[in-house]
PDB file of N, CA and C in Angstrom:
ATOM      1  N   MET A   1     102.098 183.239  24.191  1.00  0.00           N
ATOM      2  CA  MET A   1     101.891 183.830  22.891  1.00  0.00           C
ATOM      3  C   MET A   1     101.402 185.263  23.032  1.00  0.00           C
ATOM      4  N   LEU A   2     100.445 185.458  23.911  1.00  0.00           N
ATOM      5  CA  LEU A   2      99.929 186.819  24.087  1.00  0.00           C
ATOM      6  C   LEU A   2     100.973 187.762  24.663  1.00  0.00           C
ATOM      7  N   SER A   3     101.779 187.274  25.589  1.00  0.00           N
ATOM      8  CA  SER A   3     102.806 188.153  26.153  1.00  0.00           C
ATOM      9  C   SER A   3     103.826 188.544  25.089  1.00  0.00           C
ATOM     10  N   SER A   4     104.120 187.641  24.169  1.00  0.00           N
ATOM     11  CA  SER A   4     105.017 187.948  23.059  1.00  0.00           C
ATOM     12  C   SER A   4     104.394 189.005  22.145  1.00  0.00           C
ATOM     13  N   LEU A   5     103.116 188.859  21.881  1.00  0.00           N
ATOM     14  CA  LEU A   5     102.399 189.841  21.059  1.00  0.00           C
ATOM     15  C   LEU A   5     102.441 191.215  21.717  1.00  0.00           C
ATOM     16  N   PHE A   6     102.136 191.264  23.014  1.00  0.00           N
ATOM     17  CA  PHE A   6     102.124 192.543  23.728  1.00  0.00           C
ATOM     18  C   PHE A   6     103.522 193.157  23.805  1.00  0.00           C
ATOM     19  N   ALA A   7     104.532 192.330  23.968  1.00  0.00           N
ATOM     20  CA  ALA A   7     105.906 192.833  23.992  1.00  0.00           C
ATOM     21  C   ALA A   7     106.286 193.424  22.640  1.00  0.00           C
ATOM     22  N   SER A   8     105.896 192.771  21.564  1.00  0.00           N
ATOM     23  CA  SER A   8     106.187 193.291  20.222  1.00  0.00           C
ATOM     24  C   SER A   8     105.467 194.617  19.992  1.00  0.00           C
ATOM     25  N   CYS A   9     104.240 194.707  20.444  1.00  0.00           N
ATOM     26  CA  CYS A   9     103.482 195.953  20.316  1.00  0.00           C
ATOM     27  C   CYS A   9     104.167 197.068  21.095  1.00  0.00           C
ATOM     28  N   LYS A  10     104.611 196.764  22.301  1.00  0.00           N
ATOM     29  CA  LYS A  10     105.260 197.773  23.145  1.00  0.00           C
ATOM     30  C   LYS A  10     106.537 198.283  22.481  1.00  0.00           C
ATOM     31  N   ILE A  11     107.327 197.378  21.929  1.00  0.00           N
ATOM     32  CA  ILE A  11     108.574 197.757  21.255  1.00  0.00           C
ATOM     33  C   ILE A  11     108.297 198.688  20.080  1.00  0.00           C
ATOM     34  N   ASP A  12     107.238 198.407  19.335  1.00  0.00           N
ATOM     35  CA  ASP A  12     106.917 199.185  18.139  1.00  0.00           C
ATOM     36  C   ASP A  12     105.927 200.325  18.392  1.00  0.00           C
ATOM     37  N   ASN A  13     105.621 200.591  19.680  1.00  0.00           N
ATOM     38  CA  ASN A  13     104.666 201.650  20.044  1.00  0.00           C
ATOM     39  C   ASN A  13     103.326 201.495  19.342  1.00  0.00           C
ATOM     40  N   ILE A  14     102.805 200.274  19.359  1.00  0.00           N
ATOM     41  CA  ILE A  14     101.516 199.954  18.749  1.00  0.00           C
ATOM     42  C   ILE A  14     100.549 199.562  19.847  1.00  0.00           C
ATOM     43  N   ASP A  15      99.338 200.084  19.793  1.00  0.00           N
ATOM     44  CA  ASP A  15      98.304 199.709  20.752  1.00  0.00           C
ATOM     45  C   ASP A  15      97.831 198.297  20.408  1.00  0.00           C
ATOM     46  N   PRO A  16      98.070 197.315  21.286  1.00  0.00           N
ATOM     47  CA  PRO A  16      97.727 195.928  20.955  1.00  0.00           C
ATOM     48  C   PRO A  16      96.235 195.720  20.727  1.00  0.00           C
ATOM     49  N   TYR A  17      95.397 196.418  21.466  1.00  0.00           N
ATOM     50  CA  TYR A  17      93.955 196.271  21.277  1.00  0.00           C
ATOM     51  C   TYR A  17      93.553 196.744  19.883  1.00  0.00           C
ATOM     52  N   SER A  18      94.031 197.901  19.476  1.00  0.00           N
ATOM     53  CA  SER A  18      93.681 198.430  18.149  1.00  0.00           C
ATOM     54  C   SER A  18      94.191 197.532  17.039  1.00  0.00           C
ATOM     55  N   TRP A  19      95.426 197.040  17.189  1.00  0.00           N
ATOM     56  CA  TRP A  19      96.005 196.169  16.170  1.00  0.00           C
ATOM     57  C   TRP A  19      95.203 194.874  16.042  1.00  0.00           C
ATOM     58  N   LEU A  20      94.922 194.241  17.195  1.00  0.00           N
ATOM     59  CA  LEU A  20      94.198 192.974  17.171  1.00  0.00           C
ATOM     60  C   LEU A  20      92.775 193.157  16.652  1.00  0.00           C
ATOM     61  N   LYS A  21      92.134 194.237  17.023  1.00  0.00           N
ATOM     62  CA  LYS A  21      90.787 194.542  16.533  1.00  0.00           C
ATOM     63  C   LYS A  21      90.809 194.680  15.016  1.00  0.00           C
ATOM     64  N   ASP A  22      91.798 195.390  14.490  1.00  0.00           N
ATOM     65  CA  ASP A  22      91.930 195.573  13.047  1.00  0.00           C
ATOM     66  C   ASP A  22      92.135 194.233  12.343  1.00  0.00           C
ATOM     67  N   VAL A  23      92.987 193.382  12.904  1.00  0.00           N
ATOM     68  CA  VAL A  23      93.243 192.061  12.308  1.00  0.00           C
ATOM     69  C   VAL A  23      91.959 191.235  12.273  1.00  0.00           C
ATOM     70  N   VAL A  24      91.262 191.171  13.403  1.00  0.00           N
ATOM     71  CA  VAL A  24      90.045 190.357  13.487  1.00  0.00           C
ATOM     72  C   VAL A  24      88.977 190.874  12.515  1.00  0.00           C
ATOM     73  N   GLU A  25      88.867 192.183  12.390  1.00  0.00           N
ATOM     74  CA  GLU A  25      87.858 192.754  11.498  1.00  0.00           C
ATOM     75  C   GLU A  25      88.189 192.568  10.026  1.00  0.00           C
ATOM     76  N   ASN A  26      89.476 192.438   9.681  1.00  0.00           N
ATOM     77  CA  ASN A  26      89.868 192.418   8.273  1.00  0.00           C
ATOM     78  C   ASN A  26      90.419 191.102   7.748  1.00  0.00           C
ATOM     79  N   ILE A  27      90.657 190.139   8.602  1.00  0.00           N
ATOM     80  CA  ILE A  27      91.345 188.926   8.165  1.00  0.00           C
ATOM     81  C   ILE A  27      90.550 188.148   7.105  1.00  0.00           C
ATOM     82  N   GLN A  28      89.248 188.185   7.165  1.00  0.00           N
ATOM     83  CA  GLN A  28      88.455 187.442   6.184  1.00  0.00           C
ATOM     84  C   GLN A  28      88.548 188.046   4.787  1.00  0.00           C
ATOM     85  N   GLU A  29      88.862 189.314   4.684  1.00  0.00           N
ATOM     86  CA  GLU A  29      88.954 189.985   3.390  1.00  0.00           C
ATOM     87  C   GLU A  29      90.287 189.743   2.686  1.00  0.00           C
ATOM     88  N   PHE A  30      91.277 189.282   3.432  1.00  0.00           N
ATOM     89  CA  PHE A  30      92.615 189.130   2.881  1.00  0.00           C
ATOM     90  C   PHE A  30      92.801 187.777   2.219  1.00  0.00           C
ATOM     91  N   LYS A  31      93.426 187.794   1.063  1.00  0.00           N
ATOM     92  CA  LYS A  31      93.823 186.561   0.399  1.00  0.00           C
ATOM     93  C   LYS A  31      95.044 186.008   1.141  1.00  0.00           C
ATOM     94  N   THR A  32      95.252 184.729   1.056  1.00  0.00           N
ATOM     95  CA  THR A  32      96.336 184.068   1.775  1.00  0.00           C
ATOM     96  C   THR A  32      97.688 184.700   1.473  1.00  0.00           C
ATOM     97  N   ASN A  33      97.928 185.079   0.245  1.00  0.00           N
ATOM     98  CA  ASN A  33      99.235 185.635  -0.119  1.00  0.00           C
ATOM     99  C   ASN A  33      99.420 187.073   0.368  1.00  0.00           C
ATOM    100  N   ARG A  34      98.421 187.663   1.010  1.00  0.00           N
ATOM    101  CA  ARG A  34      98.529 189.031   1.523  1.00  0.00           C
ATOM    102  C   ARG A  34      98.452 189.090   3.052  1.00  0.00           C
ATOM    103  N   LEU A  35      98.372 187.943   3.724  1.00  0.00           N
ATOM    104  CA  LEU A  35      98.238 187.937   5.179  1.00  0.00           C
ATOM    105  C   LEU A  35      99.407 188.622   5.879  1.00  0.00           C
ATOM    106  N   TYR A  36     100.564 188.643   5.240  1.00  0.00           N
ATOM    107  CA  TYR A  36     101.718 189.302   5.845  1.00  0.00           C
ATOM    108  C   TYR A  36     101.430 190.780   6.126  1.00  0.00           C
ATOM    109  N   GLU A  37     100.496 191.376   5.405  1.00  0.00           N
ATOM    110  CA  GLU A  37     100.161 192.781   5.608  1.00  0.00           C
ATOM    111  C   GLU A  37      99.532 193.034   6.973  1.00  0.00           C
ATOM    112  N   LEU A  38      99.029 191.983   7.614  1.00  0.00           N
ATOM    113  CA  LEU A  38      98.411 192.131   8.932  1.00  0.00           C
ATOM    114  C   LEU A  38      99.422 192.005  10.069  1.00  0.00           C
ATOM    115  N   LEU A  39     100.651 191.654   9.764  1.00  0.00           N
ATOM    116  CA  LEU A  39     101.671 191.478  10.797  1.00  0.00           C
ATOM    117  C   LEU A  39     102.051 192.807  11.424  1.00  0.00           C
ATOM    118  N   LEU A  40     102.545 192.746  12.647  1.00  0.00           N
ATOM    119  CA  LEU A  40     102.933 193.951  13.376  1.00  0.00           C
ATOM    120  C   LEU A  40     104.008 194.750  12.679  1.00  0.00           C
ATOM    121  N   ASP A  41     104.958 194.093  12.083  1.00  0.00           N
ATOM    122  CA  ASP A  41     106.102 194.808  11.508  1.00  0.00           C
ATOM    123  C   ASP A  41     105.860 195.324  10.097  1.00  0.00           C
ATOM    124  N   HIS A  42     104.665 195.166   9.593  1.00  0.00           N
ATOM    125  CA  HIS A  42     104.391 195.635   8.232  1.00  0.00           C
ATOM    126  C   HIS A  42     103.780 197.011   8.251  1.00  0.00           C
TER     127      HIS A  42
END
């Protein structure tokens, strides 16, 4: 799972640490119907 995440980040030129840190810090604030906003491709 992690290798897939890192591969997706590499393809999209996204720093995986920064992305994951942002998700962990903000996931509690998001309503269920808005979780898609935390995905890599959004």
